[in-house]
N, C-alpha and C. Protein backbone atom coordinates (compact mmCIF):
# COMPACT_ATOMS: atom_id res chain seq x y z
N UNK A 1 104.12 80.80 10.85
CA UNK A 1 104.58 79.61 10.14
C UNK A 1 104.92 79.99 8.70
N UNK A 2 106.10 79.56 8.26
CA UNK A 2 106.49 79.75 6.87
C UNK A 2 105.95 78.59 6.06
N UNK A 3 105.38 78.90 4.90
CA UNK A 3 104.81 77.80 4.12
C UNK A 3 105.79 77.23 3.09
N UNK A 4 106.90 77.92 2.84
CA UNK A 4 107.92 77.41 1.91
C UNK A 4 109.31 77.73 2.45
N UNK A 5 110.13 76.69 2.62
CA UNK A 5 111.47 76.87 3.16
C UNK A 5 112.48 76.10 2.31
N UNK A 6 113.64 76.73 2.12
CA UNK A 6 114.78 76.08 1.47
C UNK A 6 115.83 75.85 2.55
N UNK A 7 116.18 74.61 2.80
CA UNK A 7 117.29 74.30 3.69
C UNK A 7 118.54 74.29 2.82
N UNK A 8 119.43 75.25 3.07
CA UNK A 8 120.49 75.57 2.13
C UNK A 8 121.89 75.33 2.66
N UNK A 9 122.65 74.58 1.89
CA UNK A 9 124.08 74.37 2.10
C UNK A 9 124.82 75.34 1.17
N UNK A 10 126.04 75.72 1.52
CA UNK A 10 126.84 76.60 0.65
C UNK A 10 127.88 75.82 -0.15
N UNK A 11 128.83 75.20 0.56
CA UNK A 11 129.94 74.51 -0.12
C UNK A 11 129.43 73.31 -0.91
N UNK A 12 129.77 73.29 -2.20
CA UNK A 12 129.33 72.21 -3.07
C UNK A 12 127.95 72.44 -3.66
N UNK A 13 127.22 73.42 -3.13
CA UNK A 13 125.87 73.73 -3.61
C UNK A 13 125.86 75.08 -4.32
N UNK A 14 126.29 76.12 -3.62
CA UNK A 14 126.41 77.46 -4.22
C UNK A 14 127.85 77.79 -4.58
N UNK A 15 128.77 77.08 -3.95
CA UNK A 15 130.20 77.26 -4.22
C UNK A 15 130.78 75.89 -4.62
N UNK A 16 130.55 75.50 -5.89
CA UNK A 16 131.03 74.19 -6.35
C UNK A 16 132.56 74.12 -6.33
N UNK A 17 133.09 72.93 -6.18
CA UNK A 17 134.53 72.76 -6.04
C UNK A 17 135.30 73.24 -7.27
N UNK A 18 134.79 72.97 -8.47
CA UNK A 18 135.50 73.42 -9.68
C UNK A 18 135.53 74.94 -9.76
N UNK A 19 134.44 75.58 -9.40
CA UNK A 19 134.38 77.04 -9.41
C UNK A 19 135.30 77.62 -8.35
N UNK A 20 135.33 77.00 -7.18
CA UNK A 20 136.20 77.45 -6.10
C UNK A 20 137.67 77.39 -6.54
N UNK A 21 138.06 76.30 -7.20
CA UNK A 21 139.44 76.18 -7.70
C UNK A 21 139.73 77.26 -8.74
N UNK A 22 138.77 77.50 -9.61
CA UNK A 22 138.93 78.54 -10.63
C UNK A 22 139.14 79.90 -9.98
N UNK A 23 138.29 80.24 -8.99
CA UNK A 23 138.40 81.55 -8.34
C UNK A 23 139.73 81.72 -7.61
N UNK A 24 140.18 80.69 -6.94
CA UNK A 24 141.46 80.76 -6.23
C UNK A 24 142.62 80.94 -7.21
N UNK A 25 142.57 80.23 -8.32
CA UNK A 25 143.60 80.38 -9.35
C UNK A 25 143.55 81.78 -9.95
N UNK A 26 142.34 82.26 -10.24
CA UNK A 26 142.16 83.60 -10.80
C UNK A 26 142.78 84.65 -9.89
N UNK A 27 142.51 84.55 -8.60
CA UNK A 27 143.05 85.53 -7.66
C UNK A 27 144.58 85.48 -7.60
N UNK A 28 145.16 84.29 -7.78
CA UNK A 28 146.61 84.15 -7.71
C UNK A 28 147.30 84.74 -8.94
N UNK A 29 146.69 84.56 -10.11
CA UNK A 29 147.37 84.97 -11.34
C UNK A 29 146.87 86.30 -11.91
N UNK A 30 145.77 86.80 -11.37
CA UNK A 30 145.16 88.02 -11.91
C UNK A 30 146.06 89.23 -11.67
N UNK A 31 146.18 90.02 -12.69
CA UNK A 31 146.94 91.26 -12.58
C UNK A 31 146.00 92.46 -12.62
N UNK A 32 144.71 92.19 -12.36
CA UNK A 32 143.72 93.26 -12.35
C UNK A 32 143.28 93.53 -10.92
N UNK A 33 142.45 94.53 -10.76
CA UNK A 33 141.88 94.84 -9.46
C UNK A 33 140.59 94.09 -9.21
N UNK A 34 140.23 93.19 -10.11
CA UNK A 34 139.01 92.41 -9.95
C UNK A 34 139.26 91.31 -8.92
N UNK A 35 138.38 91.22 -7.94
CA UNK A 35 138.53 90.22 -6.88
C UNK A 35 137.45 89.16 -7.00
N UNK A 36 137.81 87.94 -6.64
CA UNK A 36 136.86 86.82 -6.65
C UNK A 36 136.29 86.58 -5.26
N UNK A 37 136.61 87.48 -4.33
CA UNK A 37 136.14 87.30 -2.96
C UNK A 37 135.96 88.65 -2.28
N UNK A 38 135.38 88.59 -1.10
CA UNK A 38 135.25 89.78 -0.26
C UNK A 38 135.64 89.38 1.16
N UNK A 39 135.31 90.18 2.13
CA UNK A 39 135.69 89.89 3.51
C UNK A 39 135.08 88.59 4.03
N UNK A 40 134.02 88.14 3.39
CA UNK A 40 133.33 86.92 3.83
C UNK A 40 133.90 85.66 3.19
N UNK A 41 134.62 85.80 2.09
CA UNK A 41 135.16 84.64 1.38
C UNK A 41 134.88 84.73 -0.10
N UNK A 42 134.99 83.60 -0.78
CA UNK A 42 134.77 83.56 -2.22
C UNK A 42 133.30 83.80 -2.56
N UNK A 43 133.08 84.45 -3.71
CA UNK A 43 131.72 84.67 -4.18
C UNK A 43 131.10 83.36 -4.65
N UNK A 44 129.78 83.25 -4.53
CA UNK A 44 129.07 82.06 -4.98
C UNK A 44 128.92 82.09 -6.51
N UNK A 45 128.76 80.91 -7.08
CA UNK A 45 128.66 80.77 -8.53
C UNK A 45 127.38 81.46 -9.03
N UNK A 46 127.50 82.33 -10.03
CA UNK A 46 126.32 83.08 -10.52
C UNK A 46 125.21 82.18 -11.05
N UNK A 47 125.55 81.08 -11.72
CA UNK A 47 124.50 80.19 -12.23
C UNK A 47 123.74 79.53 -11.10
N UNK A 48 124.45 79.13 -10.06
CA UNK A 48 123.80 78.51 -8.89
C UNK A 48 122.87 79.53 -8.22
N UNK A 49 123.33 80.77 -8.13
CA UNK A 49 122.52 81.82 -7.52
C UNK A 49 121.29 82.13 -8.36
N UNK A 50 121.44 82.07 -9.66
CA UNK A 50 120.30 82.29 -10.57
C UNK A 50 119.25 81.20 -10.36
N UNK A 51 119.71 79.96 -10.23
CA UNK A 51 118.78 78.85 -10.00
C UNK A 51 118.09 78.99 -8.65
N UNK A 52 118.82 79.42 -7.64
CA UNK A 52 118.23 79.64 -6.32
C UNK A 52 117.19 80.76 -6.38
N UNK A 53 117.46 81.78 -7.16
CA UNK A 53 116.53 82.91 -7.29
C UNK A 53 115.16 82.46 -7.78
N UNK A 54 115.12 81.43 -8.62
CA UNK A 54 113.83 80.91 -9.09
C UNK A 54 112.97 80.48 -7.90
N UNK A 55 113.58 79.81 -6.93
CA UNK A 55 112.85 79.35 -5.75
C UNK A 55 112.48 80.50 -4.82
N UNK A 56 113.41 81.42 -4.61
CA UNK A 56 113.11 82.53 -3.70
C UNK A 56 112.07 83.48 -4.30
N UNK A 57 112.05 83.58 -5.63
CA UNK A 57 111.03 84.41 -6.27
C UNK A 57 109.63 83.82 -6.12
N UNK A 58 109.56 82.53 -5.81
CA UNK A 58 108.27 81.88 -5.56
C UNK A 58 107.85 82.02 -4.10
N UNK A 59 108.64 82.75 -3.33
CA UNK A 59 108.28 83.03 -1.95
C UNK A 59 108.94 82.15 -0.91
N UNK A 60 109.85 81.28 -1.32
CA UNK A 60 110.54 80.41 -0.36
C UNK A 60 111.56 81.22 0.45
N UNK A 61 111.61 80.97 1.74
CA UNK A 61 112.57 81.59 2.65
C UNK A 61 113.73 80.61 2.88
N UNK A 62 114.87 81.13 3.30
CA UNK A 62 116.09 80.33 3.42
C UNK A 62 116.42 80.06 4.88
N UNK A 63 116.70 78.78 5.17
CA UNK A 63 117.24 78.36 6.46
C UNK A 63 118.59 77.72 6.17
N UNK A 64 119.62 78.19 6.84
CA UNK A 64 120.97 77.73 6.57
C UNK A 64 121.27 76.41 7.29
N UNK A 65 121.77 75.45 6.51
CA UNK A 65 122.26 74.19 7.05
C UNK A 65 123.78 74.10 6.89
N UNK A 66 124.34 75.00 6.13
CA UNK A 66 125.76 75.02 5.82
C UNK A 66 126.64 75.01 7.07
N UNK A 67 127.80 74.43 6.97
CA UNK A 67 128.75 74.45 8.09
C UNK A 67 129.25 75.86 8.38
N UNK A 68 129.06 76.79 7.45
CA UNK A 68 129.45 78.18 7.68
C UNK A 68 128.77 78.72 8.94
N UNK A 69 127.58 78.20 9.27
CA UNK A 69 126.83 78.68 10.44
C UNK A 69 127.58 78.40 11.73
N UNK A 70 128.51 77.45 11.70
CA UNK A 70 129.26 77.06 12.90
C UNK A 70 130.46 77.97 13.15
N UNK A 71 130.87 78.71 12.11
CA UNK A 71 132.08 79.53 12.21
C UNK A 71 131.80 81.02 12.41
N UNK A 72 130.56 81.42 12.24
CA UNK A 72 130.21 82.84 12.36
C UNK A 72 128.74 82.96 12.77
N UNK A 73 128.35 84.14 13.15
CA UNK A 73 126.97 84.34 13.60
C UNK A 73 126.00 84.38 12.43
N UNK A 74 124.75 84.11 12.73
CA UNK A 74 123.70 84.19 11.70
C UNK A 74 123.60 85.62 11.17
N UNK A 75 123.78 86.61 12.04
CA UNK A 75 123.72 88.01 11.59
C UNK A 75 124.83 88.32 10.60
N UNK A 76 126.02 87.77 10.81
CA UNK A 76 127.13 87.97 9.88
C UNK A 76 126.80 87.33 8.53
N UNK A 77 126.20 86.16 8.53
CA UNK A 77 125.83 85.49 7.27
C UNK A 77 124.72 86.25 6.55
N UNK A 78 123.78 86.79 7.30
CA UNK A 78 122.72 87.61 6.70
C UNK A 78 123.32 88.87 6.10
N UNK A 79 124.26 89.49 6.81
CA UNK A 79 124.93 90.68 6.27
C UNK A 79 125.66 90.36 4.98
N UNK A 80 126.38 89.22 4.95
CA UNK A 80 127.07 88.80 3.74
C UNK A 80 126.07 88.68 2.59
N UNK A 81 124.98 87.99 2.85
CA UNK A 81 123.95 87.74 1.83
C UNK A 81 123.43 89.05 1.26
N UNK A 82 123.09 89.95 2.16
CA UNK A 82 122.52 91.23 1.74
C UNK A 82 123.55 92.13 1.04
N UNK A 83 124.77 92.19 1.58
CA UNK A 83 125.80 93.03 0.97
C UNK A 83 126.16 92.55 -0.43
N UNK A 84 126.10 91.26 -0.65
CA UNK A 84 126.38 90.72 -1.98
C UNK A 84 125.19 90.85 -2.92
N UNK A 85 124.06 91.24 -2.40
CA UNK A 85 122.87 91.44 -3.23
C UNK A 85 122.20 90.15 -3.67
N UNK A 86 122.37 89.09 -2.89
CA UNK A 86 121.77 87.81 -3.25
C UNK A 86 120.26 87.85 -3.01
N UNK A 87 119.55 87.09 -3.81
CA UNK A 87 118.10 87.03 -3.73
C UNK A 87 117.65 86.12 -2.59
N UNK A 88 116.56 86.48 -1.97
CA UNK A 88 115.97 85.63 -0.94
C UNK A 88 116.26 86.15 0.46
N UNK A 89 115.43 85.69 1.38
CA UNK A 89 115.54 86.12 2.77
C UNK A 89 115.97 84.95 3.65
N UNK A 90 117.06 85.15 4.37
CA UNK A 90 117.51 84.15 5.34
C UNK A 90 116.72 84.38 6.62
N UNK A 91 116.01 83.34 7.06
CA UNK A 91 115.17 83.49 8.26
C UNK A 91 115.71 82.71 9.46
N UNK A 92 116.78 81.95 9.25
CA UNK A 92 117.32 81.21 10.39
C UNK A 92 118.36 80.19 9.97
N UNK A 93 118.72 79.38 10.95
CA UNK A 93 119.70 78.32 10.71
C UNK A 93 119.29 77.11 11.54
N UNK A 94 119.74 75.96 11.10
CA UNK A 94 119.49 74.76 11.88
C UNK A 94 120.49 74.71 13.03
N UNK A 95 120.14 74.01 14.11
CA UNK A 95 121.10 73.87 15.19
C UNK A 95 122.24 72.97 14.75
N UNK A 96 123.41 73.14 15.36
CA UNK A 96 124.53 72.25 15.03
C UNK A 96 124.52 71.05 15.97
N UNK A 97 124.53 69.88 15.37
CA UNK A 97 124.65 68.64 16.14
C UNK A 97 125.93 67.93 15.72
N UNK A 98 125.99 67.64 14.41
CA UNK A 98 127.12 66.90 13.86
C UNK A 98 126.95 66.95 12.35
N UNK A 99 128.05 67.13 11.62
CA UNK A 99 127.94 67.21 10.15
C UNK A 99 127.30 65.98 9.54
N UNK A 100 127.45 64.84 10.20
CA UNK A 100 126.87 63.62 9.64
C UNK A 100 125.39 63.48 9.99
N UNK A 101 124.83 64.42 10.72
CA UNK A 101 123.44 64.35 11.16
C UNK A 101 122.64 65.56 10.68
N UNK A 102 122.87 65.97 9.46
CA UNK A 102 122.20 67.16 8.94
C UNK A 102 120.68 66.98 8.93
N UNK A 103 120.22 65.78 8.64
CA UNK A 103 118.78 65.52 8.65
C UNK A 103 118.17 65.71 10.02
N UNK A 104 118.89 65.32 11.04
CA UNK A 104 118.41 65.51 12.41
C UNK A 104 118.36 66.99 12.75
N UNK A 105 119.34 67.75 12.30
CA UNK A 105 119.33 69.20 12.51
C UNK A 105 118.10 69.83 11.87
N UNK A 106 117.77 69.37 10.66
CA UNK A 106 116.58 69.88 9.96
C UNK A 106 115.31 69.49 10.71
N UNK A 107 115.25 68.25 11.19
CA UNK A 107 114.08 67.79 11.92
C UNK A 107 113.84 68.64 13.18
N UNK A 108 114.90 68.93 13.91
CA UNK A 108 114.77 69.76 15.11
C UNK A 108 114.27 71.16 14.74
N UNK A 109 114.82 71.74 13.66
CA UNK A 109 114.35 73.05 13.22
C UNK A 109 112.86 73.00 12.89
N UNK A 110 112.43 71.95 12.17
CA UNK A 110 111.02 71.84 11.76
C UNK A 110 110.09 71.64 12.96
N UNK A 111 110.55 70.95 13.98
CA UNK A 111 109.73 70.78 15.19
C UNK A 111 109.50 72.12 15.88
N UNK A 112 110.51 72.98 15.85
CA UNK A 112 110.42 74.29 16.48
C UNK A 112 109.80 75.35 15.57
N UNK A 113 109.86 75.11 14.25
CA UNK A 113 109.39 76.08 13.25
C UNK A 113 108.67 75.32 12.13
N UNK A 114 107.44 74.89 12.38
CA UNK A 114 106.74 74.08 11.36
C UNK A 114 106.58 74.84 10.04
N UNK A 115 106.61 74.12 8.95
CA UNK A 115 106.34 74.72 7.64
C UNK A 115 105.62 73.71 6.77
N UNK A 116 104.85 74.23 5.83
CA UNK A 116 104.04 73.39 4.93
C UNK A 116 104.89 72.63 3.92
N UNK A 117 105.80 73.36 3.28
CA UNK A 117 106.59 72.78 2.19
C UNK A 117 108.06 73.16 2.37
N UNK A 118 108.94 72.22 2.09
CA UNK A 118 110.36 72.53 2.14
C UNK A 118 111.12 71.67 1.15
N UNK A 119 112.30 72.18 0.82
CA UNK A 119 113.23 71.47 -0.05
C UNK A 119 114.61 71.60 0.59
N UNK A 120 115.45 70.60 0.37
CA UNK A 120 116.81 70.59 0.90
C UNK A 120 117.77 70.66 -0.29
N UNK A 121 118.59 71.70 -0.37
CA UNK A 121 119.61 71.82 -1.40
C UNK A 121 120.96 71.53 -0.76
N UNK A 122 121.57 70.43 -1.16
CA UNK A 122 122.79 69.99 -0.49
C UNK A 122 123.58 69.07 -1.40
N UNK A 123 124.91 69.03 -1.19
CA UNK A 123 125.74 68.10 -1.95
C UNK A 123 125.99 66.80 -1.16
N UNK A 124 125.49 66.74 0.05
CA UNK A 124 125.64 65.52 0.84
C UNK A 124 124.64 64.46 0.37
N UNK A 125 125.03 63.22 0.51
CA UNK A 125 124.20 62.11 0.06
C UNK A 125 123.04 61.80 0.99
N UNK A 126 122.22 60.86 0.57
CA UNK A 126 121.01 60.50 1.30
C UNK A 126 121.29 60.03 2.72
N UNK A 127 122.44 59.43 2.96
CA UNK A 127 122.75 58.88 4.30
C UNK A 127 122.86 59.96 5.37
N UNK A 128 122.97 61.22 4.98
CA UNK A 128 123.07 62.33 5.94
C UNK A 128 121.69 62.84 6.37
N UNK A 129 120.64 62.29 5.76
CA UNK A 129 119.29 62.79 5.99
C UNK A 129 118.38 61.68 6.48
N UNK A 130 117.25 62.07 7.06
CA UNK A 130 116.27 61.11 7.52
C UNK A 130 115.49 60.57 6.32
N UNK A 131 114.98 59.37 6.46
CA UNK A 131 114.31 58.70 5.34
C UNK A 131 113.17 59.54 4.77
N UNK A 132 112.38 60.18 5.64
CA UNK A 132 111.24 60.97 5.17
C UNK A 132 111.67 62.27 4.48
N UNK A 133 112.95 62.65 4.62
CA UNK A 133 113.45 63.88 3.99
C UNK A 133 114.01 63.62 2.59
N UNK A 134 114.33 62.40 2.27
CA UNK A 134 114.99 62.08 1.01
C UNK A 134 114.20 62.54 -0.22
N UNK A 135 112.86 62.38 -0.24
CA UNK A 135 112.12 62.89 -1.41
C UNK A 135 112.23 64.42 -1.60
N UNK A 136 112.61 65.13 -0.55
CA UNK A 136 112.72 66.60 -0.61
C UNK A 136 114.15 67.06 -0.86
N UNK A 137 115.06 66.12 -0.98
CA UNK A 137 116.48 66.43 -1.18
C UNK A 137 116.79 66.64 -2.66
N UNK A 138 117.35 67.79 -2.96
CA UNK A 138 117.92 68.04 -4.29
C UNK A 138 119.42 67.87 -4.11
N UNK A 139 119.90 66.71 -4.51
CA UNK A 139 121.32 66.36 -4.34
C UNK A 139 122.11 67.07 -5.42
N UNK A 140 122.96 67.99 -5.01
CA UNK A 140 123.78 68.76 -5.94
C UNK A 140 125.13 68.07 -6.14
N UNK A 141 125.63 68.12 -7.35
CA UNK A 141 126.97 67.61 -7.64
C UNK A 141 127.97 68.61 -7.07
N UNK A 142 128.82 68.18 -6.15
CA UNK A 142 129.73 69.11 -5.48
C UNK A 142 130.67 69.83 -6.44
N UNK A 143 130.94 69.24 -7.59
CA UNK A 143 131.82 69.90 -8.55
C UNK A 143 131.12 71.02 -9.31
N UNK A 144 129.81 70.87 -9.52
CA UNK A 144 129.07 71.82 -10.37
C UNK A 144 128.02 72.63 -9.62
N UNK A 145 127.63 72.20 -8.42
CA UNK A 145 126.69 72.96 -7.62
C UNK A 145 125.24 72.76 -8.02
N UNK A 146 124.41 73.71 -7.58
CA UNK A 146 122.98 73.66 -7.82
C UNK A 146 122.70 73.99 -9.28
N UNK A 147 122.67 72.95 -10.09
CA UNK A 147 122.53 73.11 -11.55
C UNK A 147 121.09 73.21 -11.99
N UNK A 148 120.97 73.16 -13.29
CA UNK A 148 119.65 73.29 -13.91
C UNK A 148 118.90 71.99 -13.87
């Protein structure tokens, strides 16, 4: 049993919309060899990753709730995480049911993998989660991501 888990979304949480637009523009106009992406896609915002590192340094493990889990394997996402040198250990993903039922996906994961403490980092609103999960939701502004 894991005693601390972060249920983690990517888009709007680690990859805020304003940063994503900036990176895409940078790649279009850049005349350097510096890239804003790799084979996996755009890099996550460094400030968001720094804030996440605070939680992972406290021993929290990561469970992916992001829609990215639906497009590629968990092993591919773990490889991306490790190759980019991001902090924290990805230990799993929630099952896919429906994007509007993210709370139910988390509940199913918790029934199969109990944990003492968890937090949900997501840009989706309260209506996507179960009532008992709302106090554990850190609602991120999709434009700015997981801020301070």
